[in-house]
Amino acid sequence: MPNTANAETPDPLDMWRQYITDSERQWNGFFKDVLGTDTVANGMNAWVEASLTVQRMVADQLERLYTTFNIPTHADLVSLGERMKSVEESLARMETMMAAAPRRSGAAPKAKTPKRARPPRTKRPLVAAGVNGSSGS
């Protein structure tokens, strides 16, 4: 028996895909017409300029506040980080040179110092010392 009923009934998923495609086209056309105008472009430009002005004012006020209370700014911390990085790199170079120094001079590397011997244990447990097991505390 041939399935002719499926050929006549529309597929709901196809209808949904078509609706989504048509909707996207309509919204794209609407936003192209609205956002493509000089009025919107001028408004966005004014908003961005105002936002940047407020941001600069806040940054200046915060820098003054940080200076007043002797708090480091972000730029101070970045500068300090760069200085520390250069100090660490210099230290690493010096460590490398010091590690290679005995080999270059032909001197034998220093022998490791022996670990100190532990002192003898003289304290004995209470039972071994002859105490009857009662604590005097």
Protein backbone atom coordinates (compact mmCIF):
# COMPACT_ATOMS: atom_id res chain seq x y z
CA MET A 1 0.00 0.00 0.00
CA PRO A 2 1.69 3.27 -1.09
CA ASN A 3 2.09 6.04 1.42
CA THR A 4 0.33 8.89 -0.37
CA ALA A 5 -0.81 10.58 2.82
CA ASN A 6 2.75 11.80 3.57
CA ALA A 7 3.07 13.45 0.17
CA GLU A 8 -0.06 15.51 0.76
CA THR A 9 0.57 16.55 4.39
CA PRO A 10 3.03 19.38 4.91
CA ASP A 11 6.01 18.60 7.10
CA PRO A 12 5.85 20.68 10.33
CA LEU A 13 9.64 20.94 10.45
CA ASP A 14 9.76 22.36 6.93
CA MET A 15 7.10 24.89 7.90
CA TRP A 16 9.15 25.86 10.97
CA ARG A 17 12.36 26.22 8.93
CA GLN A 18 10.54 28.39 6.42
CA TYR A 19 9.10 30.56 9.22
CA ILE A 20 12.56 31.03 10.77
CA THR A 21 14.11 31.91 7.39
CA ASP A 22 11.36 34.44 6.58
CA SER A 23 11.58 35.92 10.07
CA GLU A 24 15.35 36.37 9.79
CA ARG A 25 14.98 38.09 6.43
CA GLN A 26 12.37 40.48 7.82
CA TRP A 27 14.43 41.36 10.90
CA ASN A 28 17.58 41.82 8.83
CA GLY A 29 15.74 44.17 6.49
CA PHE A 30 14.25 46.11 9.40
CA PHE A 31 17.59 46.59 11.16
CA LYS A 32 19.33 47.47 7.91
CA ASP A 33 16.75 50.20 7.27
CA VAL A 34 16.82 51.52 10.85
CA LEU A 35 20.49 51.20 11.73
CA GLY A 36 21.71 52.29 8.33
CA THR A 37 20.53 55.88 8.82
CA ASP A 38 22.69 58.88 9.67
CA THR A 39 20.54 59.63 12.72
CA VAL A 40 21.38 56.33 14.36
CA ALA A 41 25.06 56.64 13.40
CA ASN A 42 25.26 60.15 14.90
CA GLY A 43 23.48 59.00 18.04
CA MET A 44 25.87 56.06 18.49
CA ASN A 45 28.85 58.35 17.89
CA ALA A 46 27.61 60.80 20.54
CA TRP A 47 27.00 57.96 23.00
CA VAL A 48 30.52 56.55 22.49
CA GLU A 49 32.10 59.99 22.93
CA ALA A 50 30.11 60.62 26.11
CA SER A 51 31.05 57.19 27.45
CA LEU A 52 34.75 57.79 26.78
CA THR A 53 34.58 61.21 28.44
CA VAL A 54 33.00 59.75 31.57
CA GLN A 55 35.56 56.94 31.58
CA ARG A 56 38.46 59.42 31.39
CA MET A 57 36.96 61.53 34.19
CA VAL A 58 36.54 58.50 36.45
CA ALA A 59 40.10 57.33 35.73
CA ASP A 60 41.49 60.80 36.54
CA GLN A 61 39.53 60.98 39.79
CA LEU A 62 40.63 57.50 40.82
CA GLU A 63 44.27 58.33 40.08
CA ARG A 64 44.01 61.43 42.27
CA LEU A 65 42.39 59.38 45.02
CA TYR A 66 45.08 56.69 44.77
CA THR A 67 47.79 59.34 44.92
CA THR A 68 46.16 60.98 47.94
CA PHE A 69 45.98 57.72 49.89
CA ASN A 70 49.33 56.46 48.56
CA ILE A 71 47.76 53.43 46.85
CA PRO A 72 49.55 52.01 43.79
CA THR A 73 47.74 52.35 40.48
CA HIS A 74 47.46 49.69 37.82
CA ALA A 75 50.31 51.31 35.90
CA ASP A 76 52.47 51.21 39.05
CA LEU A 77 51.79 47.51 39.52
CA VAL A 78 52.54 46.74 35.86
CA SER A 79 55.81 48.68 36.11
CA LEU A 80 56.74 46.84 39.30
CA GLY A 81 55.98 43.50 37.63
CA GLU A 82 58.24 44.35 34.70
CA ARG A 83 61.05 45.37 37.05
CA MET A 84 60.68 42.14 39.04
CA LYS A 85 60.77 40.11 35.84
CA SER A 86 64.05 41.74 34.81
CA VAL A 87 65.52 41.14 38.30
CA GLU A 88 64.49 37.47 38.14
CA GLU A 89 66.04 37.11 34.68
CA SER A 90 69.29 38.66 35.93
CA LEU A 91 69.27 36.34 38.94
CA ALA A 92 68.73 33.33 36.70
CA ARG A 93 71.67 34.39 34.51
CA MET A 94 73.90 34.80 37.59
CA GLU A 95 72.88 31.38 38.92
CA THR A 96 73.71 29.84 35.55
CA MET A 97 77.10 31.56 35.49
CA MET A 98 77.86 30.50 39.08
CA ALA A 99 76.89 26.91 38.37
CA ALA A 100 79.20 26.86 35.34
CA ALA A 101 82.10 28.66 37.12
CA PRO A 102 83.78 25.62 38.75
CA ARG A 103 83.75 23.76 35.46
CA ARG A 104 85.33 26.66 33.58
CA SER A 105 88.12 27.23 36.08
CA GLY A 106 89.01 23.56 36.18
CA ALA A 107 88.46 23.40 39.94
CA ALA A 108 86.71 20.39 41.32
CA PRO A 109 83.20 21.02 42.54
CA LYS A 110 82.91 21.42 46.30
CA ALA A 111 82.12 18.28 48.22
CA LYS A 112 78.80 18.23 49.92
CA THR A 113 78.98 18.91 53.63
CA PRO A 114 78.05 15.83 55.62
CA LYS A 115 74.88 15.94 57.63
CA ARG A 116 75.41 16.54 61.31
CA ALA A 117 75.15 13.49 63.44
CA ARG A 118 72.20 13.48 65.77
CA PRO A 119 73.01 13.53 69.46
CA PRO A 120 72.49 10.27 71.37
CA ARG A 121 69.11 9.81 72.90
CA THR A 122 69.50 9.85 76.67
CA LYS A 123 65.93 10.21 77.81
CA ARG A 124 64.38 6.88 78.65
CA PRO A 125 60.68 6.01 78.77
CA LEU A 126 59.10 6.16 82.22
CA VAL A 127 58.70 2.40 82.55
CA ALA A 128 62.33 1.73 81.65
CA ALA A 129 63.55 4.36 84.11
CA GLY A 130 61.94 2.49 87.01
CA VAL A 131 58.96 4.73 87.58
CA ASN A 132 55.80 2.82 88.47
CA GLY A 133 53.75 4.26 85.61
CA SER A 134 51.99 7.04 87.51
CA SER A 135 52.38 10.48 86.09
CA GLY A 136 53.40 13.31 88.38
CA SER A 137 51.64 16.10 86.50
